[in-house]
Amino acid sequence: MAGHSKWHNIQRRKNAQDAKRGKIFMRHAKVVYEAAKRGGGDPDTNPTLRLAIDKAKADNMPNDNIERAIKKATGALDGANFEELTYEGYGPGGTAIIVNVLTDNKNRTAAEVRHAFSKNGGNLGENGCVSFMFERKGYIVILNEDGSIDEDDITLEAIEAGAEDITVQDGAYEIYTTPENFEAVCNHLTEAGYSLDNEEITMLPQNYSKLEAKDEEKMLNLIDMLEEDEDVQDVHHNLEVSE
């Protein structure tokens, strides 16, 4: 696995999220909508939808909002048709960025993503220009800030469940899986009594890039601007955020 902790980047993102509650709910609604549209509106038979609902509830999204998104996707309510798109490009210093969006207006979203890149010293590239630098992995975080979770015990549980790797970073265990084993590992750890603070299928960089302070500030501004866009679902990058 890459040597730099993804958890460090997640912590920074979480610290900024409280001020964006409305946009967070909008993003969750889109993810729930897409999951229900693809696999049906019953979370008992649609694990992707169940995971999307769990994440929405973890961010205190009201049940009415979740149910409305499912009804739109299944045709019970009139609503916009969303589609998933991916943009790839370069940030300051040649850093790699992948942006996943869910939008009902491709032209609007493309213009906003392009504007974010150009305003912060980056540029959009062709599809595939940076994706080869990333690996698609399941990623799980279990907090251990009080030191109560034994490293050997959780390592054995994770490996038994089918995890590929586990690391200790910043008072947390980071567990990596293949996308195919992700749900099984999540379920096994939950049944074993562990509380999952973060779980997602994500794009992990094979190597991280360090930048000079000025370029790092521009890159962080670019990430923030992208994440504040209500159409953007995920921003993957290979910046190693300084302490």
Protein backbone atom coordinates (compact mmCIF):
# COMPACT_ATOMS: atom_id res chain seq x y z
CA MET A 1 0.00 0.00 0.00
CA ALA A 2 1.02 3.61 -0.47
CA GLY A 3 3.04 4.80 2.49
CA HIS A 4 1.08 7.97 3.24
CA SER A 5 -2.11 7.62 5.25
CA LYS A 6 -5.35 8.26 3.39
CA TRP A 7 -6.83 8.82 6.86
CA HIS A 8 -4.86 12.04 7.24
CA ASN A 9 -6.59 13.41 4.15
CA ILE A 10 -10.02 12.18 5.34
CA GLN A 11 -9.58 13.89 8.71
CA ARG A 12 -8.89 17.19 7.00
CA ARG A 13 -11.99 16.79 4.83
CA LYS A 14 -14.21 15.85 7.77
CA ASN A 15 -13.08 18.87 9.76
CA ALA A 16 -14.45 21.13 7.03
CA GLN A 17 -17.75 19.34 6.47
CA ASP A 18 -19.90 20.75 9.26
CA ALA A 19 -20.25 24.05 7.41
CA LYS A 20 -21.59 22.29 4.28
CA ARG A 21 -24.46 20.22 5.68
CA GLY A 22 -26.96 21.10 2.95
CA LYS A 23 -24.60 20.15 0.16
CA ILE A 24 -23.65 16.94 1.96
CA PHE A 25 -27.32 15.94 2.05
CA MET A 26 -27.63 16.75 -1.65
CA ARG A 27 -24.71 14.46 -2.45
CA HIS A 28 -26.10 11.64 -0.36
CA ALA A 29 -29.47 12.02 -2.08
CA LYS A 30 -27.83 11.62 -5.47
CA VAL A 31 -25.89 8.52 -4.39
CA VAL A 32 -29.05 6.95 -2.92
CA TYR A 33 -30.94 7.85 -6.11
CA GLU A 34 -28.35 6.24 -8.37
CA ALA A 35 -28.07 3.09 -6.25
CA ALA A 36 -31.85 2.65 -6.20
CA LYS A 37 -32.14 3.33 -9.92
CA ARG A 38 -29.56 0.66 -10.72
CA GLY A 39 -30.49 -2.06 -8.26
CA GLY A 40 -34.00 -1.33 -7.04
CA GLY A 41 -35.40 0.46 -4.03
CA ASP A 42 -35.17 -2.36 -1.46
CA PRO A 43 -31.97 -2.11 0.62
CA ASP A 44 -32.40 -5.74 1.73
CA THR A 45 -31.77 -6.91 -1.83
CA ASN A 46 -29.59 -4.00 -2.97
CA PRO A 47 -26.35 -3.86 -0.92
CA THR A 48 -25.17 -0.74 -2.75
CA LEU A 49 -28.32 1.07 -1.70
CA ARG A 50 -27.98 -0.21 1.85
CA LEU A 51 -24.43 1.17 2.04
CA ALA A 52 -25.57 4.51 0.59
CA ILE A 53 -28.37 4.75 3.17
CA ASP A 54 -26.00 3.87 6.01
CA LYS A 55 -23.61 6.63 4.94
CA ALA A 56 -26.44 9.15 4.66
CA LYS A 57 -27.72 8.29 8.12
CA ALA A 58 -24.20 8.52 9.54
CA ASP A 59 -24.24 12.17 8.39
CA ASN A 60 -27.65 12.65 10.05
CA MET A 61 -29.57 12.94 6.79
CA PRO A 62 -33.34 12.88 7.53
CA ASN A 63 -35.22 9.69 6.60
CA ASP A 64 -37.70 11.73 4.53
CA ASN A 65 -34.86 12.91 2.27
CA ILE A 66 -33.62 9.34 1.82
CA GLU A 67 -37.09 8.00 1.03
CA ARG A 68 -37.74 10.81 -1.44
CA ALA A 69 -34.55 9.99 -3.35
CA ILE A 70 -35.53 6.31 -3.54
CA LYS A 71 -39.04 7.15 -4.76
CA LYS A 72 -37.65 9.40 -7.48
CA ALA A 73 -35.33 6.64 -8.65
CA THR A 74 -38.06 4.00 -8.73
CA GLY A 75 -40.57 6.22 -10.52
CA ALA A 76 -42.82 6.88 -7.54
CA LEU A 77 -42.00 10.61 -7.82
CA ASP A 78 -41.17 12.81 -10.79
CA GLY A 79 -37.54 13.91 -10.78
CA ALA A 80 -34.45 14.67 -12.81
CA ASN A 81 -32.38 11.95 -14.48
CA PHE A 82 -28.82 11.87 -13.18
CA GLU A 83 -25.80 10.31 -14.83
CA GLU A 84 -22.34 9.49 -13.56
CA LEU A 85 -19.29 11.09 -15.19
CA THR A 86 -15.58 11.09 -14.42
CA TYR A 87 -13.10 13.89 -15.10
CA GLU A 88 -9.32 13.52 -14.90
CA GLY A 89 -6.66 16.19 -14.76
CA TYR A 90 -3.61 17.71 -13.17
CA GLY A 91 -3.32 20.05 -10.22
CA PRO A 92 -0.43 22.33 -9.31
CA GLY A 93 2.95 20.64 -9.51
CA GLY A 94 1.60 17.89 -11.72
CA THR A 95 -0.51 16.27 -9.00
CA ALA A 96 -3.10 13.79 -10.27
CA ILE A 97 -6.84 14.32 -9.73
CA ILE A 98 -9.90 12.21 -10.52
CA VAL A 99 -13.34 13.79 -10.06
CA ASN A 100 -16.50 11.67 -9.94
CA VAL A 101 -19.76 13.53 -10.50
CA LEU A 102 -23.46 12.74 -10.59
CA THR A 103 -25.32 15.36 -12.59
CA ASP A 104 -28.51 16.16 -14.42
CA ASN A 105 -26.75 18.79 -16.56
CA LYS A 106 -23.45 17.72 -18.18
CA ASN A 107 -22.69 21.12 -19.69
CA ARG A 108 -23.07 22.94 -16.38
CA THR A 109 -20.96 20.43 -14.49
CA ALA A 110 -18.19 20.34 -17.10
CA ALA A 111 -17.94 24.14 -17.04
CA GLU A 112 -17.78 24.26 -13.23
CA VAL A 113 -15.14 21.52 -12.98
CA ARG A 114 -13.04 23.17 -15.69
CA HIS A 115 -13.33 26.52 -13.91
CA ALA A 116 -12.15 25.02 -10.62
CA PHE A 117 -9.06 23.55 -12.29
CA SER A 118 -8.13 26.68 -14.22
CA LYS A 119 -8.65 29.01 -11.25
CA ASN A 120 -6.24 27.02 -9.07
CA GLY A 121 -3.35 26.31 -11.42
CA GLY A 122 -4.56 22.98 -12.79
CA ASN A 123 -5.91 21.72 -16.06
CA LEU A 124 -8.31 19.03 -17.22
CA GLY A 125 -6.91 16.16 -19.26
CA GLU A 126 -8.24 13.35 -21.40
CA ASN A 127 -9.93 10.32 -19.88
CA GLY A 128 -7.24 7.92 -18.72
CA CYS A 129 -4.52 10.56 -18.33
CA VAL A 130 -4.09 9.91 -14.59
CA SER A 131 -6.33 6.96 -13.71
CA PHE A 132 -3.47 4.53 -14.32
CA MET A 133 -1.77 6.07 -11.25
CA PHE A 134 -4.59 4.82 -8.99
CA GLU A 135 -5.95 1.48 -7.84
CA ARG A 136 -9.61 0.80 -7.09
CA LYS A 137 -9.78 -0.56 -3.54
CA GLY A 138 -12.15 -1.07 -0.67
CA TYR A 139 -11.12 1.16 2.23
CA ILE A 140 -12.31 0.85 5.84
CA VAL A 141 -11.39 2.89 8.93
CA ILE A 142 -11.87 1.75 12.52
CA LEU A 143 -10.96 4.33 15.15
CA ASN A 144 -8.74 3.33 18.07
CA GLU A 145 -8.07 6.66 19.73
CA ASP A 146 -8.29 5.20 23.24
CA GLY A 147 -6.08 2.21 22.37
CA SER A 148 -8.73 -0.32 23.38
CA ILE A 149 -8.58 -2.38 20.17
CA ASP A 150 -5.78 -4.95 20.10
CA GLU A 151 -3.80 -4.79 16.86
CA ASP A 152 -3.29 -8.56 16.62
CA ASP A 153 -6.99 -9.27 17.18
CA ILE A 154 -8.27 -6.86 14.55
CA THR A 155 -5.58 -7.92 12.08
CA LEU A 156 -6.64 -11.56 12.38
CA GLU A 157 -10.31 -10.61 11.99
CA ALA A 158 -9.62 -8.47 8.93
CA ILE A 159 -7.45 -11.05 7.18
CA GLU A 160 -9.93 -13.83 7.99
CA ALA A 161 -12.68 -11.72 6.42
CA GLY A 162 -10.66 -11.35 3.21
CA ALA A 163 -8.83 -8.04 3.67
CA GLU A 164 -5.60 -7.48 1.75
CA ASP A 165 -3.78 -5.22 4.21
CA ILE A 166 -4.19 -3.32 7.48
CA THR A 167 -2.15 -0.38 8.76
CA VAL A 168 -2.14 1.74 11.93
CA GLN A 169 -2.27 5.51 11.44
CA ASP A 170 -3.16 8.45 13.71
CA GLY A 171 -5.21 6.46 16.23
CA ALA A 172 -7.03 4.49 13.54
CA TYR A 173 -6.79 1.19 11.73
CA GLU A 174 -6.91 1.44 7.94
CA ILE A 175 -8.08 -1.74 6.22
CA TYR A 176 -7.74 -2.34 2.48
CA THR A 177 -9.68 -4.86 0.40
CA THR A 178 -10.39 -5.73 -3.19
CA PRO A 179 -13.66 -4.18 -4.42
CA GLU A 180 -15.12 -7.69 -4.65
CA ASN A 181 -14.40 -8.48 -0.97
CA PHE A 182 -15.33 -5.05 0.37
CA GLU A 183 -18.89 -5.78 1.50
CA ALA A 184 -17.96 -9.16 3.03
CA VAL A 185 -15.15 -7.56 5.06
CA CYS A 186 -17.43 -4.72 6.25
CA ASN A 187 -20.11 -7.20 7.30
CA HIS A 188 -17.62 -9.50 9.06
CA LEU A 189 -16.04 -6.68 11.06
CA THR A 190 -19.42 -5.23 12.00
CA GLU A 191 -20.65 -8.64 13.17
CA ALA A 192 -17.43 -9.02 15.17
CA GLY A 193 -18.40 -5.90 17.12
CA TYR A 194 -16.21 -3.28 15.47
CA SER A 195 -17.62 0.17 14.64
CA LEU A 196 -16.70 1.33 11.13
CA ASP A 197 -15.97 5.06 11.05
CA ASN A 198 -15.45 5.17 7.30
CA GLU A 199 -16.06 2.63 4.56
CA GLU A 200 -15.93 3.21 0.83
CA ILE A 201 -14.75 1.83 -2.47
CA THR A 202 -12.26 4.42 -3.61
CA MET A 203 -9.32 5.14 -5.89
CA LEU A 204 -6.03 4.95 -4.00
CA PRO A 205 -2.90 6.51 -5.52
CA GLN A 206 0.03 4.20 -6.03
CA ASN A 207 2.34 7.05 -5.00
CA TYR A 208 1.77 10.38 -3.24
CA SER A 209 3.23 13.73 -4.29
CA LYS A 210 4.67 16.38 -1.98
CA LEU A 211 4.41 20.02 -3.03
CA GLU A 212 6.00 23.27 -1.99
CA ALA A 213 3.82 25.31 0.38
CA LYS A 214 2.52 27.67 -2.31
CA ASP A 215 1.50 24.86 -4.67
CA GLU A 216 0.02 22.82 -1.83
CA GLU A 217 -2.21 25.75 -0.89
CA LYS A 218 -3.42 26.02 -4.50
CA MET A 219 -4.06 22.28 -4.60
CA LEU A 220 -6.04 22.35 -1.36
CA ASN A 221 -8.08 25.27 -2.70
CA LEU A 222 -8.77 23.25 -5.86
CA ILE A 223 -9.91 20.24 -3.83
CA ASP A 224 -12.13 22.43 -1.65
CA MET A 225 -13.69 24.14 -4.66
CA LEU A 226 -14.44 20.81 -6.31
CA GLU A 227 -15.87 19.28 -3.12
CA GLU A 228 -18.14 22.30 -2.62
CA ASP A 229 -19.74 21.69 -6.03
CA GLU A 230 -23.06 19.95 -5.39
CA ASP A 231 -22.58 17.74 -8.48
CA VAL A 232 -19.25 16.37 -7.29
CA GLN A 233 -19.41 13.05 -5.43
CA ASP A 234 -15.73 12.26 -4.87
CA VAL A 235 -12.35 13.86 -5.46
CA HIS A 236 -9.42 11.45 -5.60
CA HIS A 237 -5.88 12.84 -5.66
CA ASN A 238 -2.30 11.94 -4.86
CA LEU A 239 -1.35 14.98 -2.79
CA GLU A 240 0.49 14.18 0.43
CA VAL A 241 -0.97 16.78 2.77
CA SER A 242 1.72 18.26 5.03
CA GLU A 243 1.35 18.15 8.80
